[in-house]
Amino acid sequence: MITNRPSIFIYTYNPDADILKEICAGIEEEGVLFDVIEKPEMDTRDLAYEAANESVLGSGIGLSYGMAAMQMRNVNRDKPVFLLDRPDKEMSRKLGTNSARAIKRKAFQI
């Protein structure tokens, strides 16, 4: 379901629950809304690309099979802003934080 409210879209297919939880926490800490939407099976980069291009805010995250990607609208599908393979708790939270910071035009956490 795609909504028109200003939120970061997180498109998932078979997501790791712990990674998803931390990504959402990172976004929440920045005070930005998000929507988690289950999608059909596709590459993590494709999930992130679609999420970013369909989000009113232009920031999206793809999550599948332990991979996570952050993308911004109109950025090349093959060059996500971040692409993480089995991120730990801290990396997952920072991915969510950075997705929110991108739309707020704030510096990323490294």
C-alpha atoms as a PDB file:
ATOM      1  CA  MET A   1       0.000   0.000   0.000  1.00  0.00           C
ATOM      2  CA  ILE A   2       1.425   3.353  -0.991  1.00  0.00           C
ATOM      3  CA  THR A   3       0.359   6.356   1.014  1.00  0.00           C
ATOM      4  CA  ASN A   4       0.771  10.043   0.341  1.00  0.00           C
ATOM      5  CA  ARG A   5       1.878  10.929   3.848  1.00  0.00           C
ATOM      6  CA  PRO A   6       5.462  12.151   4.037  1.00  0.00           C
ATOM      7  CA  SER A   7       7.324   9.060   5.168  1.00  0.00           C
ATOM      8  CA  ILE A   8      10.337   6.937   4.346  1.00  0.00           C
ATOM      9  CA  PHE A   9       9.272   3.735   2.647  1.00  0.00           C
ATOM     10  CA  ILE A  10      10.931   0.513   3.742  1.00  0.00           C
ATOM     11  CA  TYR A  11      10.248  -2.176   1.152  1.00  0.00           C
ATOM     12  CA  THR A  12      10.924  -5.690   2.384  1.00  0.00           C
ATOM     13  CA  TYR A  13      10.976  -9.262   1.209  1.00  0.00           C
ATOM     14  CA  ASN A  14      11.794 -11.924   3.796  1.00  0.00           C
ATOM     15  CA  PRO A  15      13.461  -9.356   6.081  1.00  0.00           C
ATOM     16  CA  ASP A  16      15.591 -10.089   9.108  1.00  0.00           C
ATOM     17  CA  ALA A  17      13.385  -8.905  12.001  1.00  0.00           C
ATOM     18  CA  ASP A  18      16.293  -7.619  14.100  1.00  0.00           C
ATOM     19  CA  ILE A  19      17.713  -5.538  11.248  1.00  0.00           C
ATOM     20  CA  LEU A  20      14.274  -4.106  10.457  1.00  0.00           C
ATOM     21  CA  LYS A  21      13.677  -3.219  14.114  1.00  0.00           C
ATOM     22  CA  GLU A  22      16.942  -1.258  14.325  1.00  0.00           C
ATOM     23  CA  ILE A  23      16.388   0.543  11.006  1.00  0.00           C
ATOM     24  CA  CYS A  24      12.968   1.681  12.216  1.00  0.00           C
ATOM     25  CA  ALA A  25      14.433   2.806  15.553  1.00  0.00           C
ATOM     26  CA  GLY A  26      17.042   4.918  13.747  1.00  0.00           C
ATOM     27  CA  ILE A  27      14.373   6.641  11.673  1.00  0.00           C
ATOM     28  CA  GLU A  28      12.174   7.231  14.735  1.00  0.00           C
ATOM     29  CA  GLU A  29      15.067   8.799  16.640  1.00  0.00           C
ATOM     30  CA  GLU A  30      15.272  11.443  13.920  1.00  0.00           C
ATOM     31  CA  GLY A  31      11.537  12.165  14.219  1.00  0.00           C
ATOM     32  CA  VAL A  32      10.612  11.013  10.712  1.00  0.00           C
ATOM     33  CA  LEU A  33       7.672   8.790   9.804  1.00  0.00           C
ATOM     34  CA  PHE A  34       8.126   5.499   7.974  1.00  0.00           C
ATOM     35  CA  ASP A  35       6.027   2.776   6.389  1.00  0.00           C
ATOM     36  CA  VAL A  36       7.101  -0.862   6.155  1.00  0.00           C
ATOM     37  CA  ILE A  37       5.676  -2.531   3.059  1.00  0.00           C
ATOM     38  CA  GLU A  38       6.099  -6.192   2.123  1.00  0.00           C
ATOM     39  CA  LYS A  39       6.830  -6.613  -1.588  1.00  0.00           C
ATOM     40  CA  PRO A  40       7.268  -9.564  -3.954  1.00  0.00           C
ATOM     41  CA  GLU A  41      10.730 -11.103  -4.174  1.00  0.00           C
ATOM     42  CA  MET A  42      13.287  -8.843  -5.825  1.00  0.00           C
ATOM     43  CA  ASP A  43      16.855  -7.637  -5.404  1.00  0.00           C
ATOM     44  CA  THR A  44      17.541  -5.477  -2.342  1.00  0.00           C
ATOM     45  CA  ARG A  45      18.736  -2.614  -4.563  1.00  0.00           C
ATOM     46  CA  ASP A  46      15.498  -2.768  -6.557  1.00  0.00           C
ATOM     47  CA  LEU A  47      13.458  -2.642  -3.359  1.00  0.00           C
ATOM     48  CA  ALA A  48      15.367   0.444  -2.172  1.00  0.00           C
ATOM     49  CA  TYR A  49      15.144   2.114  -5.592  1.00  0.00           C
ATOM     50  CA  GLU A  50      11.368   1.634  -5.800  1.00  0.00           C
ATOM     51  CA  ALA A  51      10.900   2.742  -2.192  1.00  0.00           C
ATOM     52  CA  ALA A  52      12.849   5.968  -2.748  1.00  0.00           C
ATOM     53  CA  ASN A  53      11.094   6.801  -5.995  1.00  0.00           C
ATOM     54  CA  GLU A  54       7.623   6.130  -4.572  1.00  0.00           C
ATOM     55  CA  SER A  55       8.149   7.937  -1.249  1.00  0.00           C
ATOM     56  CA  VAL A  56       6.984  11.549  -1.099  1.00  0.00           C
ATOM     57  CA  LEU A  57      10.229  12.300   0.774  1.00  0.00           C
ATOM     58  CA  GLY A  58      12.434  10.617  -1.823  1.00  0.00           C
ATOM     59  CA  SER A  59      14.245   8.359   0.640  1.00  0.00           C
ATOM     60  CA  GLY A  60      13.775   4.612   0.708  1.00  0.00           C
ATOM     61  CA  ILE A  61      15.207   1.446   2.161  1.00  0.00           C
ATOM     62  CA  GLY A  62      15.192  -2.060   0.737  1.00  0.00           C
ATOM     63  CA  LEU A  63      15.596  -5.062   3.003  1.00  0.00           C
ATOM     64  CA  SER A  64      15.770  -8.736   2.010  1.00  0.00           C
ATOM     65  CA  TYR A  65      17.665 -11.863   3.014  1.00  0.00           C
ATOM     66  CA  GLY A  66      19.932 -10.028   5.461  1.00  0.00           C
ATOM     67  CA  MET A  67      20.882  -7.305   2.965  1.00  0.00           C
ATOM     68  CA  ALA A  68      19.895  -3.661   3.429  1.00  0.00           C
ATOM     69  CA  ALA A  69      20.150  -0.754   0.997  1.00  0.00           C
ATOM     70  CA  MET A  70      19.368   2.942   1.326  1.00  0.00           C
ATOM     71  CA  GLN A  71      18.504   4.907  -1.792  1.00  0.00           C
ATOM     72  CA  MET A  72      17.484   8.434  -2.726  1.00  0.00           C
ATOM     73  CA  ARG A  73      15.100   9.382  -5.521  1.00  0.00           C
ATOM     74  CA  ASN A  74      16.655   9.624  -8.991  1.00  0.00           C
ATOM     75  CA  VAL A  75      19.972   8.091  -7.923  1.00  0.00           C
ATOM     76  CA  ASN A  76      21.221   5.289 -10.173  1.00  0.00           C
ATOM     77  CA  ARG A  77      19.638   1.985  -9.147  1.00  0.00           C
ATOM     78  CA  ASP A  78      23.022   0.252  -9.213  1.00  0.00           C
ATOM     79  CA  LYS A  79      24.638   2.806  -6.885  1.00  0.00           C
ATOM     80  CA  PRO A  80      22.625   2.947  -3.675  1.00  0.00           C
ATOM     81  CA  VAL A  81      23.767   5.444  -1.073  1.00  0.00           C
ATOM     82  CA  PHE A  82      24.427   2.529   1.310  1.00  0.00           C
ATOM     83  CA  LEU A  83      24.458  -1.227   0.654  1.00  0.00           C
ATOM     84  CA  LEU A  84      25.058  -3.451   3.684  1.00  0.00           C
ATOM     85  CA  ASP A  85      25.448  -7.213   3.871  1.00  0.00           C
ATOM     86  CA  ARG A  86      24.204  -8.603   7.183  1.00  0.00           C
ATOM     87  CA  PRO A  87      24.580  -5.355   9.131  1.00  0.00           C
ATOM     88  CA  ASP A  88      24.909  -5.572  12.894  1.00  0.00           C
ATOM     89  CA  LYS A  89      22.641  -3.710  15.316  1.00  0.00           C
ATOM     90  CA  GLU A  90      24.653  -0.470  15.235  1.00  0.00           C
ATOM     91  CA  MET A  91      25.007  -0.418  11.443  1.00  0.00           C
ATOM     92  CA  SER A  92      21.282  -1.116  10.993  1.00  0.00           C
ATOM     93  CA  ARG A  93      20.300   1.729  13.295  1.00  0.00           C
ATOM     94  CA  LYS A  94      22.683   4.112  11.504  1.00  0.00           C
ATOM     95  CA  LEU A  95      21.168   3.128   8.163  1.00  0.00           C
ATOM     96  CA  GLY A  96      17.746   4.224   9.428  1.00  0.00           C
ATOM     97  CA  THR A  97      19.193   7.373  10.968  1.00  0.00           C
ATOM     98  CA  ASN A  98      21.000   8.278   7.749  1.00  0.00           C
ATOM     99  CA  SER A  99      17.900   7.740   5.649  1.00  0.00           C
ATOM    100  CA  ALA A 100      16.087  10.291   7.826  1.00  0.00           C
ATOM    101  CA  ARG A 101      19.074  12.656   7.912  1.00  0.00           C
ATOM    102  CA  ALA A 102      19.256  12.633   4.117  1.00  0.00           C
ATOM    103  CA  ILE A 103      15.809  14.171   3.816  1.00  0.00           C
ATOM    104  CA  LYS A 104      16.591  16.635   6.610  1.00  0.00           C
ATOM    105  CA  ARG A 105      19.844  17.563   4.824  1.00  0.00           C
ATOM    106  CA  LYS A 106      21.927  16.707   7.880  1.00  0.00           C
ATOM    107  CA  ALA A 107      25.335  15.024   7.906  1.00  0.00           C
ATOM    108  CA  PHE A 108      25.359  11.238   7.908  1.00  0.00           C
ATOM    109  CA  GLN A 109      26.505   9.216  10.902  1.00  0.00           C
ATOM    110  CA  ILE A 110      29.445   7.052  10.002  1.00  0.00           C
END
